[in-house]
Amino acid sequence: MTAENGGLSDDERRELEELRAEKARREEAQQAQRERAELKRLKAEQERTHAEVEKDRKARELRERNAKLMEPDDDLRMPTGQKVVLLALAVIAVAIVLVMTLGH
C-alpha cells in the first residue's frame, strides 16, 4: 500500500511510531510520577500511624504509671496499731481541752 492507495508511506510510518513511542514514554513518566506520589502518601500515612501508635503507647504508660503513683504502697499505709494510738491521743487531747474549758 502506498500513500495514494490510503496506506502510510515509510516516512509516515516512522513518524507514527516515533509519536507512539513518545506518547508511551509520556504515559510511563506520568505513571511513574503517580506511583511516586502514591508512595509518598503511603509513607506519610504509615509514619502518621506509627506516630499515633507511639503516642498512644506513651499515653497508656503514663496513665499506668500515674495510676500506680496514686495507689498507696505498703510503706505508706498506716498500720492498725498506729491508727489506734493516734485515735487514743486525739481522744485524750479533746478530753484535756474539754476539762480545761469546763473546769474554769
Protein backbone atom coordinates (compact mmCIF):
# COMPACT_ATOMS: atom_id res chain seq x y z
CA MET A 1 0.00 0.00 0.00
CA THR A 2 1.19 3.47 -0.75
CA ALA A 3 0.05 6.92 0.18
CA GLU A 4 -2.09 7.02 -2.98
CA ASN A 5 -3.99 3.87 -2.01
CA GLY A 6 -4.78 5.16 1.50
CA GLY A 7 -1.84 3.46 3.23
CA LEU A 8 1.02 5.18 5.02
CA SER A 9 4.35 5.89 3.45
CA ASP A 10 7.55 4.71 5.14
CA ASP A 11 8.17 8.24 6.49
CA GLU A 12 4.65 8.46 7.84
CA ARG A 13 5.00 5.04 9.48
CA ARG A 14 8.29 6.10 11.14
CA GLU A 15 6.70 9.35 12.30
CA LEU A 16 3.69 7.44 13.64
CA GLU A 17 5.95 5.01 15.50
CA GLU A 18 8.00 7.88 16.91
CA LEU A 19 4.84 9.65 18.07
CA ARG A 20 3.51 6.42 19.60
CA ALA A 21 6.84 5.83 21.36
CA GLU A 22 6.87 9.44 22.62
CA LYS A 23 3.29 9.03 23.85
CA ALA A 24 4.23 5.77 25.60
CA ARG A 25 7.22 7.48 27.27
CA ARG A 26 4.98 10.34 28.47
CA GLU A 27 2.43 7.88 29.82
CA GLU A 28 5.17 5.87 31.56
CA ALA A 29 6.57 9.08 33.06
CA GLN A 30 3.11 10.09 34.25
CA GLN A 31 2.53 6.62 35.70
CA ALA A 32 5.91 6.76 37.47
CA GLN A 33 5.02 10.21 38.83
CA ARG A 34 1.64 8.93 40.09
CA GLU A 35 3.36 5.94 41.70
CA ARG A 36 5.94 8.19 43.41
CA ALA A 37 3.14 10.40 44.70
CA GLU A 38 1.25 7.36 45.99
CA LEU A 39 4.42 6.01 47.61
CA LYS A 40 5.00 9.36 49.30
CA ARG A 41 1.39 9.45 50.50
CA LEU A 42 1.54 5.88 51.81
CA LYS A 43 4.82 6.55 53.62
CA ALA A 44 3.34 9.67 55.23
CA GLU A 45 0.25 7.68 56.26
CA GLN A 46 2.46 4.94 57.69
CA GLU A 47 4.52 7.49 59.63
CA ARG A 48 1.33 9.07 61.00
CA THR A 49 0.09 5.63 62.02
CA HIS A 50 3.39 4.81 63.72
CA ALA A 51 3.39 8.21 65.43
CA GLU A 52 -0.18 7.67 66.66
CA VAL A 53 0.66 4.18 67.93
CA GLU A 54 3.73 5.52 69.71
CA LYS A 55 1.72 8.41 71.18
CA ASP A 56 -0.98 6.01 72.38
CA ARG A 57 1.65 3.71 73.88
CA LYS A 58 3.30 6.58 75.75
CA ALA A 59 -0.07 7.86 76.98
CA ARG A 60 -1.00 4.38 78.19
CA GLU A 61 2.34 4.02 80.00
CA LEU A 62 1.87 7.44 81.58
CA ARG A 63 -1.67 6.55 82.73
CA GLU A 64 -0.42 3.27 84.18
CA ARG A 65 2.46 4.99 85.96
CA ASN A 66 0.15 7.71 87.33
CA ALA A 67 -2.36 5.10 88.47
CA LYS A 68 0.44 3.27 90.23
CA LEU A 69 1.54 6.50 91.92
CA MET A 70 -2.00 7.15 93.14
CA GLU A 71 -2.24 3.73 94.80
CA PRO A 72 -0.84 3.72 98.30
CA ASP A 73 2.13 1.44 98.71
CA ASP A 74 2.50 -0.89 101.64
CA ASP A 75 5.10 1.51 103.01
CA LEU A 76 2.60 4.38 103.03
CA ARG A 77 -0.28 2.53 104.67
CA MET A 78 -0.61 3.18 108.36
CA PRO A 79 -0.69 0.04 110.50
CA THR A 80 -3.85 -0.50 112.52
CA GLY A 81 -1.98 -0.27 115.82
CA GLN A 82 -0.65 3.15 114.87
CA LYS A 83 -4.18 4.29 113.96
CA VAL A 84 -5.45 3.16 117.40
CA VAL A 85 -2.66 5.03 119.21
CA LEU A 86 -3.33 8.22 117.21
CA LEU A 87 -7.07 7.95 117.86
CA ALA A 88 -6.43 7.48 121.59
CA LEU A 89 -4.14 10.54 121.63
CA ALA A 90 -6.79 12.57 119.81
CA VAL A 91 -9.46 11.50 122.35
CA ILE A 92 -7.13 12.37 125.25
CA ALA A 93 -6.36 15.77 123.71
CA VAL A 94 -10.06 16.52 123.25
CA ALA A 95 -10.74 15.41 126.84
CA ILE A 96 -7.96 17.68 128.17
CA VAL A 97 -9.32 20.65 126.21
CA LEU A 98 -12.86 19.99 127.47
CA VAL A 99 -11.69 19.65 131.10
CA MET A 100 -9.69 22.83 130.89
CA THR A 101 -12.52 24.84 129.34
CA LEU A 102 -15.29 23.43 131.53
CA GLY A 103 -13.17 23.35 134.68
CA HIS A 104 -12.93 27.12 134.96
